[in-house]
């Protein structure tokens, strides 16, 4: 009979670790932005846009001239409340059908159906929570609402091209 030498300490340690290996490490949490985006998208689809989102696109909705005199205040139910300075309220009322149509393009099916205007200082609202949009974003939405599918496609392609040029300044 041949005697085998006893296994080395390293071999015994390797066997011990192999036989008693613990659970694999827990996978890290997903980025908070992804989780928040999923939740907020459902709320946005269910309840419609907030006044902050409308304020971002306000010059595109009412036009550059009226954007300086007005600001969205609140959305309650299916009514958008607007603060207007001086006679801008009557101009908003006169443009109400066009403004509501543009609201539908930005807000989708949960867009407000009515407008209520009150006199006030829109600068106070803009200073409170609404951020100004850069000129590049304002150029992305055209002044008119396209109904023709070909016009919508060409408008979308133009916006895409401008966005591509902004991202790739070297071209």
N, C-alpha and C. Protein backbone atom coordinates (compact mmCIF):
# COMPACT_ATOMS: atom_id res chain seq x y z
N UNK A 1 0.81 -1.17 0.00
CA UNK A 1 0.00 0.00 0.00
C UNK A 1 0.86 1.23 0.00
N UNK A 2 0.38 2.13 -0.81
CA UNK A 2 1.10 3.39 -0.87
C UNK A 2 0.35 4.42 -0.07
N UNK A 3 1.06 5.08 0.71
CA UNK A 3 0.43 6.13 1.50
C UNK A 3 0.47 7.43 0.73
N UNK A 4 -0.67 8.06 0.68
CA UNK A 4 -0.75 9.36 0.02
C UNK A 4 -0.40 10.42 1.04
N UNK A 5 0.32 11.41 0.58
CA UNK A 5 0.63 12.48 1.53
C UNK A 5 -0.64 13.27 1.83
N UNK A 6 -0.75 13.80 3.01
CA UNK A 6 -1.95 14.59 3.34
C UNK A 6 -2.03 15.83 2.44
N UNK A 7 -3.28 16.26 2.12
CA UNK A 7 -3.39 17.45 1.24
C UNK A 7 -2.81 18.68 1.92
N UNK A 8 -2.37 19.59 1.07
CA UNK A 8 -1.75 20.80 1.61
C UNK A 8 -2.83 21.72 2.21
N UNK A 9 -2.35 22.67 2.95
CA UNK A 9 -3.25 23.62 3.60
C UNK A 9 -4.04 24.43 2.57
N UNK A 10 -3.39 24.81 1.46
CA UNK A 10 -4.06 25.58 0.40
C UNK A 10 -5.17 24.75 -0.25
N UNK A 11 -4.93 23.46 -0.44
CA UNK A 11 -5.93 22.59 -1.05
C UNK A 11 -7.13 22.45 -0.12
N UNK A 12 -6.87 22.28 1.15
CA UNK A 12 -7.96 22.17 2.12
C UNK A 12 -8.77 23.48 2.18
N UNK A 13 -8.09 24.61 2.15
CA UNK A 13 -8.78 25.90 2.19
C UNK A 13 -9.63 26.10 0.93
N UNK A 14 -9.10 25.71 -0.22
CA UNK A 14 -9.86 25.85 -1.48
C UNK A 14 -11.10 24.96 -1.45
N UNK A 15 -10.96 23.71 -0.93
CA UNK A 15 -12.11 22.81 -0.82
C UNK A 15 -13.16 23.39 0.13
N UNK A 16 -12.71 23.91 1.24
CA UNK A 16 -13.62 24.49 2.24
C UNK A 16 -14.41 25.66 1.62
N UNK A 17 -13.71 26.56 0.93
CA UNK A 17 -14.39 27.71 0.31
C UNK A 17 -15.36 27.28 -0.79
N UNK A 18 -14.97 26.27 -1.58
CA UNK A 18 -15.83 25.78 -2.65
C UNK A 18 -17.11 25.18 -2.10
N UNK A 19 -17.00 24.43 -1.03
CA UNK A 19 -18.17 23.75 -0.46
C UNK A 19 -19.09 24.69 0.32
N UNK A 20 -18.58 25.78 0.81
CA UNK A 20 -19.36 26.67 1.66
C UNK A 20 -19.48 28.08 1.11
N UNK A 21 -19.49 28.18 -0.17
CA UNK A 21 -19.58 29.50 -0.80
C UNK A 21 -20.94 30.13 -0.46
N UNK A 22 -20.95 31.41 -0.17
CA UNK A 22 -22.18 32.12 0.20
C UNK A 22 -22.99 32.51 -1.04
N UNK A 23 -24.04 33.24 -0.77
CA UNK A 23 -24.88 33.72 -1.87
C UNK A 23 -24.12 34.76 -2.69
N UNK A 24 -24.47 34.88 -3.98
CA UNK A 24 -23.81 35.91 -4.78
C UNK A 24 -24.20 37.30 -4.28
N UNK A 25 -23.40 38.28 -4.61
CA UNK A 25 -23.64 39.65 -4.17
C UNK A 25 -24.97 40.16 -4.74
N UNK A 26 -25.63 40.99 -3.95
CA UNK A 26 -26.91 41.55 -4.38
C UNK A 26 -26.65 42.60 -5.45
N UNK A 27 -27.45 42.54 -6.49
CA UNK A 27 -27.33 43.50 -7.57
C UNK A 27 -27.71 44.89 -7.05
N UNK A 28 -27.01 45.91 -7.51
CA UNK A 28 -27.28 47.27 -7.08
C UNK A 28 -28.65 47.77 -7.51
N UNK A 29 -29.09 48.81 -6.86
CA UNK A 29 -30.39 49.40 -7.18
C UNK A 29 -30.33 50.09 -8.54
N UNK A 30 -31.44 50.12 -9.27
CA UNK A 30 -31.43 50.83 -10.56
C UNK A 30 -31.31 52.33 -10.32
N UNK A 31 -30.89 53.07 -11.32
CA UNK A 31 -30.79 54.53 -11.15
C UNK A 31 -32.13 55.13 -10.75
N UNK A 32 -32.09 56.10 -9.86
CA UNK A 32 -33.31 56.72 -9.35
C UNK A 32 -34.08 57.41 -10.47
N UNK A 33 -33.39 57.95 -11.44
CA UNK A 33 -34.05 58.64 -12.54
C UNK A 33 -34.95 57.71 -13.34
N UNK A 34 -34.51 56.48 -13.55
CA UNK A 34 -35.34 55.51 -14.27
C UNK A 34 -36.61 55.20 -13.50
N UNK A 35 -36.46 54.93 -12.23
CA UNK A 35 -37.63 54.58 -11.41
C UNK A 35 -38.59 55.76 -11.32
N UNK A 36 -38.06 56.96 -11.12
CA UNK A 36 -38.93 58.14 -11.02
C UNK A 36 -39.61 58.41 -12.36
N UNK A 37 -38.88 58.21 -13.45
CA UNK A 37 -39.47 58.44 -14.77
C UNK A 37 -40.66 57.54 -15.03
N UNK A 38 -40.55 56.27 -14.64
CA UNK A 38 -41.66 55.35 -14.84
C UNK A 38 -42.90 55.78 -14.04
N UNK A 39 -42.67 56.20 -12.81
CA UNK A 39 -43.79 56.62 -11.96
C UNK A 39 -44.39 57.92 -12.46
N UNK A 40 -43.56 58.90 -12.75
CA UNK A 40 -44.05 60.21 -13.18
C UNK A 40 -44.75 60.14 -14.52
N UNK A 41 -44.31 59.25 -15.42
CA UNK A 41 -44.98 59.12 -16.72
C UNK A 41 -46.42 58.67 -16.54
N UNK A 42 -46.63 57.71 -15.63
CA UNK A 42 -48.01 57.25 -15.39
C UNK A 42 -48.88 58.38 -14.83
N UNK A 43 -48.32 59.17 -13.91
CA UNK A 43 -49.07 60.31 -13.37
C UNK A 43 -49.35 61.35 -14.44
N UNK A 44 -48.36 61.62 -15.28
CA UNK A 44 -48.54 62.60 -16.34
C UNK A 44 -49.61 62.14 -17.32
N UNK A 45 -49.60 60.84 -17.67
CA UNK A 45 -50.63 60.32 -18.57
C UNK A 45 -52.01 60.39 -17.94
N UNK A 46 -52.07 60.16 -16.63
CA UNK A 46 -53.36 60.12 -15.95
C UNK A 46 -53.91 61.51 -15.65
N UNK A 47 -53.05 62.42 -15.19
CA UNK A 47 -53.52 63.72 -14.74
C UNK A 47 -53.20 64.86 -15.69
N UNK A 48 -52.44 64.62 -16.73
CA UNK A 48 -52.10 65.67 -17.68
C UNK A 48 -50.86 66.44 -17.25
N UNK A 49 -50.47 67.44 -18.04
CA UNK A 49 -49.24 68.17 -17.75
C UNK A 49 -49.42 69.13 -16.58
N UNK A 50 -48.32 69.53 -16.00
CA UNK A 50 -48.35 70.54 -14.94
C UNK A 50 -48.11 71.91 -15.53
N UNK A 51 -48.28 72.92 -14.70
CA UNK A 51 -48.07 74.29 -15.19
C UNK A 51 -46.60 74.54 -15.50
N UNK A 52 -45.68 73.81 -14.85
CA UNK A 52 -44.26 74.00 -15.17
C UNK A 52 -43.98 73.59 -16.61
N UNK A 53 -44.56 72.48 -17.03
CA UNK A 53 -44.34 72.02 -18.41
C UNK A 53 -44.97 73.01 -19.39
N UNK A 54 -46.15 73.51 -19.06
CA UNK A 54 -46.77 74.51 -19.94
C UNK A 54 -45.95 75.80 -19.97
N UNK A 55 -45.39 76.18 -18.83
CA UNK A 55 -44.58 77.40 -18.78
C UNK A 55 -43.32 77.26 -19.63
N UNK A 56 -42.77 76.06 -19.71
CA UNK A 56 -41.60 75.84 -20.55
C UNK A 56 -41.93 76.12 -22.01
N UNK A 57 -43.12 75.74 -22.43
CA UNK A 57 -43.53 75.89 -23.83
C UNK A 57 -44.47 77.07 -24.04
N UNK A 58 -44.62 77.93 -23.05
CA UNK A 58 -45.61 79.01 -23.12
C UNK A 58 -45.43 79.92 -24.34
N UNK A 59 -44.20 80.35 -24.70
CA UNK A 59 -44.06 81.18 -25.91
C UNK A 59 -44.51 80.45 -27.17
N UNK A 60 -44.36 79.14 -27.19
CA UNK A 60 -44.80 78.37 -28.35
C UNK A 60 -46.32 78.23 -28.39
N UNK A 61 -46.95 78.24 -27.23
CA UNK A 61 -48.39 78.06 -27.15
C UNK A 61 -49.12 79.35 -27.51
N UNK A 62 -48.73 80.47 -26.90
CA UNK A 62 -49.47 81.72 -27.10
C UNK A 62 -48.77 82.68 -28.04
N UNK A 63 -47.52 82.43 -28.38
CA UNK A 63 -46.77 83.35 -29.23
C UNK A 63 -45.83 84.20 -28.39
N UNK A 64 -44.78 84.67 -29.01
CA UNK A 64 -43.75 85.44 -28.30
C UNK A 64 -44.32 86.71 -27.67
N UNK A 65 -45.17 87.41 -28.41
CA UNK A 65 -45.69 88.69 -27.92
C UNK A 65 -46.54 88.52 -26.67
N UNK A 66 -47.47 87.57 -26.70
CA UNK A 66 -48.35 87.36 -25.54
C UNK A 66 -47.64 86.68 -24.38
N UNK A 67 -46.56 85.96 -24.66
CA UNK A 67 -45.85 85.27 -23.58
C UNK A 67 -45.24 86.25 -22.59
N UNK A 68 -44.90 87.44 -23.05
CA UNK A 68 -44.35 88.44 -22.15
C UNK A 68 -45.40 89.03 -21.23
N UNK A 69 -46.65 88.95 -21.61
CA UNK A 69 -47.73 89.57 -20.84
C UNK A 69 -48.57 88.57 -20.05
N UNK A 70 -48.38 87.29 -20.32
CA UNK A 70 -49.22 86.27 -19.67
C UNK A 70 -48.36 85.14 -19.13
N UNK A 71 -48.96 84.32 -18.28
CA UNK A 71 -48.29 83.12 -17.75
C UNK A 71 -49.36 82.15 -17.26
N UNK A 72 -49.12 80.83 -17.40
CA UNK A 72 -50.07 79.86 -16.84
C UNK A 72 -49.97 79.85 -15.32
N UNK A 73 -51.11 79.82 -14.66
CA UNK A 73 -51.13 79.87 -13.20
C UNK A 73 -51.40 78.50 -12.60
N UNK A 74 -52.48 77.86 -13.03
CA UNK A 74 -52.85 76.57 -12.45
C UNK A 74 -53.75 75.82 -13.42
N UNK A 75 -53.82 74.52 -13.21
CA UNK A 75 -54.76 73.68 -13.95
C UNK A 75 -55.65 73.02 -12.92
N UNK A 76 -56.94 73.28 -13.02
CA UNK A 76 -57.91 72.66 -12.11
C UNK A 76 -58.99 72.02 -12.97
N UNK A 77 -59.06 70.71 -12.86
CA UNK A 77 -60.03 69.98 -13.68
C UNK A 77 -59.63 70.09 -15.15
N UNK A 78 -60.55 70.56 -15.95
CA UNK A 78 -60.26 70.73 -17.38
C UNK A 78 -60.08 72.20 -17.74
N UNK A 79 -59.72 73.04 -16.77
CA UNK A 79 -59.58 74.47 -16.99
C UNK A 79 -58.16 74.93 -16.69
N UNK A 80 -57.59 75.69 -17.62
CA UNK A 80 -56.28 76.30 -17.43
C UNK A 80 -56.50 77.74 -16.99
N UNK A 81 -55.94 78.11 -15.84
CA UNK A 81 -56.04 79.47 -15.33
C UNK A 81 -54.79 80.24 -15.76
N UNK A 82 -55.01 81.40 -16.34
CA UNK A 82 -53.93 82.21 -16.90
C UNK A 82 -53.94 83.57 -16.21
N UNK A 83 -52.76 84.07 -15.88
CA UNK A 83 -52.61 85.42 -15.34
C UNK A 83 -52.17 86.31 -16.49
N UNK A 84 -52.90 87.41 -16.70
CA UNK A 84 -52.59 88.31 -17.81
C UNK A 84 -52.44 89.73 -17.29
N UNK A 85 -51.55 90.46 -17.92
CA UNK A 85 -51.30 91.84 -17.54
C UNK A 85 -52.05 92.76 -18.50
N UNK A 86 -52.87 93.62 -17.94
CA UNK A 86 -53.58 94.61 -18.75
C UNK A 86 -54.52 94.00 -19.78
N UNK A 87 -54.49 94.52 -21.01
CA UNK A 87 -55.42 94.06 -22.04
C UNK A 87 -55.04 92.73 -22.68
N UNK A 88 -53.97 92.11 -22.21
CA UNK A 88 -53.58 90.82 -22.80
C UNK A 88 -54.64 89.76 -22.58
N UNK A 89 -55.46 89.90 -21.54
CA UNK A 89 -56.52 88.92 -21.29
C UNK A 89 -57.52 88.85 -22.43
N UNK A 90 -57.86 90.01 -23.00
CA UNK A 90 -58.80 89.98 -24.13
C UNK A 90 -58.17 89.36 -25.36
N UNK A 91 -56.87 89.57 -25.54
CA UNK A 91 -56.18 88.94 -26.68
C UNK A 91 -56.13 87.42 -26.51
N UNK A 92 -55.95 86.98 -25.28
CA UNK A 92 -55.95 85.53 -25.01
C UNK A 92 -57.34 84.95 -25.29
N UNK A 93 -58.37 85.64 -24.84
CA UNK A 93 -59.74 85.16 -25.10
C UNK A 93 -60.02 85.10 -26.59
N UNK A 94 -59.54 86.07 -27.34
CA UNK A 94 -59.77 86.07 -28.79
C UNK A 94 -59.02 84.92 -29.46
N UNK A 95 -57.87 84.55 -28.92
CA UNK A 95 -57.06 83.47 -29.49
C UNK A 95 -57.33 82.12 -28.84
N UNK A 96 -58.34 82.00 -28.02
CA UNK A 96 -58.59 80.78 -27.24
C UNK A 96 -58.64 79.50 -28.08
N UNK A 97 -59.35 79.46 -29.22
CA UNK A 97 -59.37 78.20 -29.98
C UNK A 97 -57.98 77.75 -30.44
N UNK A 98 -57.18 78.71 -30.90
CA UNK A 98 -55.83 78.37 -31.37
C UNK A 98 -54.96 77.91 -30.19
N UNK A 99 -55.09 78.56 -29.06
CA UNK A 99 -54.31 78.20 -27.87
C UNK A 99 -54.69 76.81 -27.37
N UNK A 100 -55.99 76.52 -27.35
CA UNK A 100 -56.44 75.19 -26.92
C UNK A 100 -55.93 74.10 -27.87
N UNK A 101 -55.87 74.39 -29.15
CA UNK A 101 -55.36 73.43 -30.12
C UNK A 101 -53.87 73.17 -29.87
N UNK A 102 -53.12 74.21 -29.60
CA UNK A 102 -51.70 74.03 -29.31
C UNK A 102 -51.48 73.30 -27.99
N UNK A 103 -52.35 73.54 -27.02
CA UNK A 103 -52.27 72.80 -25.77
C UNK A 103 -52.44 71.30 -26.01
N UNK A 104 -53.33 70.95 -26.94
CA UNK A 104 -53.53 69.53 -27.25
C UNK A 104 -52.27 68.91 -27.83
N UNK A 105 -51.52 69.66 -28.66
CA UNK A 105 -50.31 69.09 -29.24
C UNK A 105 -49.22 68.88 -28.19
N UNK A 106 -49.20 69.70 -27.16
CA UNK A 106 -48.17 69.57 -26.12
C UNK A 106 -48.62 68.62 -25.01
N UNK A 107 -49.88 68.73 -24.58
CA UNK A 107 -50.35 67.98 -23.43
C UNK A 107 -51.04 66.67 -23.78
N UNK A 108 -51.41 66.48 -25.02
CA UNK A 108 -52.07 65.24 -25.40
C UNK A 108 -53.54 65.23 -25.04
N UNK A 109 -54.05 64.04 -24.75
CA UNK A 109 -55.50 63.90 -24.54
C UNK A 109 -55.97 64.50 -23.21
N UNK A 110 -55.06 64.76 -22.27
CA UNK A 110 -55.43 65.33 -20.99
C UNK A 110 -55.28 66.85 -20.97
N UNK A 111 -55.28 67.47 -22.14
CA UNK A 111 -55.10 68.92 -22.23
C UNK A 111 -56.34 69.64 -21.69
N UNK A 112 -56.14 70.83 -21.12
CA UNK A 112 -57.28 71.61 -20.64
C UNK A 112 -58.22 71.96 -21.79
N UNK A 113 -59.52 72.02 -21.50
CA UNK A 113 -60.53 72.31 -22.52
C UNK A 113 -61.04 73.74 -22.44
N UNK A 114 -60.79 74.42 -21.32
CA UNK A 114 -61.27 75.79 -21.13
C UNK A 114 -60.14 76.65 -20.60
N UNK A 115 -60.29 77.96 -20.84
CA UNK A 115 -59.33 78.93 -20.32
C UNK A 115 -60.07 79.91 -19.41
N UNK A 116 -59.44 80.26 -18.30
CA UNK A 116 -59.94 81.31 -17.40
C UNK A 116 -58.80 82.30 -17.23
N UNK A 117 -59.11 83.56 -17.39
CA UNK A 117 -58.08 84.59 -17.32
C UNK A 117 -58.37 85.51 -16.15
N UNK A 118 -57.31 85.86 -15.41
CA UNK A 118 -57.45 86.85 -14.35
C UNK A 118 -56.35 87.89 -14.52
N UNK A 119 -56.64 89.10 -14.08
CA UNK A 119 -55.68 90.19 -14.16
C UNK A 119 -54.62 90.00 -13.08
N UNK A 120 -53.38 90.29 -13.42
CA UNK A 120 -52.31 90.18 -12.44
C UNK A 120 -50.97 90.41 -13.10
N UNK A 121 -49.92 90.13 -12.35
CA UNK A 121 -48.57 90.30 -12.84
C UNK A 121 -47.97 88.93 -13.13
N UNK A 122 -47.81 88.56 -14.39
CA UNK A 122 -47.26 87.25 -14.71
C UNK A 122 -45.79 87.09 -14.32
N UNK A 123 -45.08 88.20 -14.13
CA UNK A 123 -43.67 88.11 -13.75
C UNK A 123 -43.51 87.46 -12.38
N UNK A 124 -44.48 87.65 -11.49
CA UNK A 124 -44.41 87.02 -10.18
C UNK A 124 -44.50 85.51 -10.30
N UNK A 125 -45.34 85.02 -11.21
CA UNK A 125 -45.47 83.58 -11.41
C UNK A 125 -44.21 83.00 -12.02
N UNK A 126 -43.64 83.68 -12.99
CA UNK A 126 -42.45 83.17 -13.65
C UNK A 126 -41.28 83.13 -12.68
N UNK A 127 -41.21 84.09 -11.77
CA UNK A 127 -40.14 84.07 -10.79
C UNK A 127 -40.33 82.98 -9.75
N UNK A 128 -41.57 82.58 -9.54
CA UNK A 128 -41.86 81.59 -8.49
C UNK A 128 -41.41 80.20 -8.90
N UNK A 129 -41.86 79.69 -10.02
CA UNK A 129 -41.55 78.29 -10.34
C UNK A 129 -41.24 78.05 -11.80
N UNK A 130 -41.56 78.98 -12.67
CA UNK A 130 -41.43 78.70 -14.08
C UNK A 130 -40.08 79.16 -14.60
N UNK A 131 -39.41 78.27 -15.32
CA UNK A 131 -38.11 78.60 -15.88
C UNK A 131 -38.28 79.11 -17.31
N UNK A 132 -37.39 79.97 -17.72
CA UNK A 132 -37.41 80.44 -19.11
C UNK A 132 -36.79 79.39 -20.00
N UNK A 133 -37.28 79.30 -21.21
CA UNK A 133 -36.80 78.32 -22.16
C UNK A 133 -35.77 78.99 -23.07
N UNK A 134 -34.75 78.25 -23.41
CA UNK A 134 -33.75 78.83 -24.29
C UNK A 134 -34.33 79.06 -25.68
N UNK A 135 -33.70 79.94 -26.43
CA UNK A 135 -34.19 80.25 -27.77
C UNK A 135 -34.17 79.03 -28.68
N UNK A 136 -33.24 78.11 -28.45
CA UNK A 136 -33.17 76.92 -29.28
C UNK A 136 -34.44 76.10 -29.16
N UNK A 137 -34.97 75.94 -27.94
CA UNK A 137 -36.20 75.18 -27.76
C UNK A 137 -37.39 75.91 -28.37
N UNK A 138 -37.40 77.21 -28.29
CA UNK A 138 -38.51 77.97 -28.85
C UNK A 138 -38.57 77.82 -30.36
N UNK A 139 -37.42 77.69 -31.00
CA UNK A 139 -37.41 77.54 -32.45
C UNK A 139 -37.96 76.19 -32.88
N UNK A 140 -37.96 75.21 -31.96
CA UNK A 140 -38.37 73.86 -32.33
C UNK A 140 -39.85 73.74 -32.64
N UNK A 141 -40.69 74.55 -32.03
CA UNK A 141 -42.12 74.49 -32.27
C UNK A 141 -42.50 75.62 -33.21
N UNK A 142 -43.12 75.28 -34.33
CA UNK A 142 -43.44 76.31 -35.30
C UNK A 142 -44.65 77.12 -34.86
N UNK A 143 -44.83 78.27 -35.49
CA UNK A 143 -45.89 79.21 -35.11
C UNK A 143 -47.27 78.65 -35.43
N UNK A 144 -47.42 77.83 -36.44
CA UNK A 144 -48.75 77.32 -36.80
C UNK A 144 -48.88 75.85 -36.42
N UNK A 145 -50.11 75.39 -36.33
CA UNK A 145 -50.38 73.99 -36.05
C UNK A 145 -50.64 73.31 -37.39
N UNK A 146 -49.82 72.30 -37.69
CA UNK A 146 -49.96 71.60 -38.96
C UNK A 146 -51.05 70.54 -38.86
N UNK A 147 -51.92 70.52 -39.85
CA UNK A 147 -52.97 69.51 -39.90
C UNK A 147 -52.63 68.47 -40.97
N UNK A 148 -52.00 68.93 -42.05
CA UNK A 148 -51.62 68.06 -43.14
C UNK A 148 -50.51 67.10 -42.68
N UNK A 149 -50.64 65.78 -42.94
CA UNK A 149 -49.61 64.83 -42.51
C UNK A 149 -48.23 65.13 -43.11
N UNK A 150 -48.18 65.59 -44.35
CA UNK A 150 -46.89 65.91 -44.96
C UNK A 150 -46.23 67.10 -44.26
N UNK A 151 -47.04 68.08 -43.89
CA UNK A 151 -46.49 69.25 -43.19
C UNK A 151 -45.99 68.85 -41.80
N UNK A 152 -46.71 67.95 -41.13
CA UNK A 152 -46.25 67.48 -39.82
C UNK A 152 -44.93 66.74 -39.94
N UNK A 153 -44.81 65.90 -40.97
CA UNK A 153 -43.58 65.15 -41.17
C UNK A 153 -42.42 66.08 -41.45
N UNK A 154 -42.60 67.05 -42.33
CA UNK A 154 -41.50 67.96 -42.64
C UNK A 154 -41.13 68.80 -41.42
N UNK A 155 -42.12 69.20 -40.62
CA UNK A 155 -41.84 69.95 -39.41
C UNK A 155 -41.05 69.11 -38.42
N UNK A 156 -41.43 67.85 -38.26
CA UNK A 156 -40.70 66.96 -37.35
C UNK A 156 -39.27 66.74 -37.82
N UNK A 157 -39.08 66.59 -39.13
CA UNK A 157 -37.74 66.40 -39.66
C UNK A 157 -36.88 67.65 -39.46
N UNK A 158 -37.48 68.83 -39.61
CA UNK A 158 -36.74 70.07 -39.38
C UNK A 158 -36.31 70.17 -37.92
N UNK A 159 -37.20 69.85 -36.98
CA UNK A 159 -36.85 69.87 -35.56
C UNK A 159 -35.74 68.88 -35.25
N UNK A 160 -35.83 67.69 -35.86
CA UNK A 160 -34.81 66.68 -35.66
C UNK A 160 -33.45 67.17 -36.15
N UNK A 161 -33.42 67.79 -37.31
CA UNK A 161 -32.17 68.30 -37.88
C UNK A 161 -31.57 69.40 -36.99
N UNK A 162 -32.41 70.31 -36.48
CA UNK A 162 -31.90 71.35 -35.58
C UNK A 162 -31.34 70.75 -34.30
N UNK A 163 -32.02 69.75 -33.76
CA UNK A 163 -31.54 69.10 -32.54
C UNK A 163 -30.21 68.38 -32.80
N UNK A 164 -30.08 67.75 -33.95
CA UNK A 164 -28.85 67.07 -34.29
C UNK A 164 -27.70 68.06 -34.41
N UNK A 165 -27.97 69.22 -35.03
CA UNK A 165 -26.93 70.23 -35.17
C UNK A 165 -26.50 70.79 -33.82
N UNK A 166 -27.45 70.92 -32.89
CA UNK A 166 -27.11 71.40 -31.54
C UNK A 166 -26.20 70.42 -30.82
N UNK A 167 -26.46 69.14 -31.00
CA UNK A 167 -25.69 68.12 -30.29
C UNK A 167 -24.32 67.91 -30.91
N UNK A 168 -24.19 68.12 -32.21
CA UNK A 168 -22.94 67.87 -32.92
C UNK A 168 -22.40 69.17 -33.50
N UNK A 169 -21.77 70.00 -32.67
CA UNK A 169 -21.33 71.32 -33.15
C UNK A 169 -20.19 71.23 -34.16
N UNK A 170 -19.46 70.10 -34.22
CA UNK A 170 -18.31 69.99 -35.13
C UNK A 170 -18.70 69.85 -36.59
N UNK A 171 -19.94 69.43 -36.87
CA UNK A 171 -20.35 69.21 -38.26
C UNK A 171 -20.63 70.49 -38.99
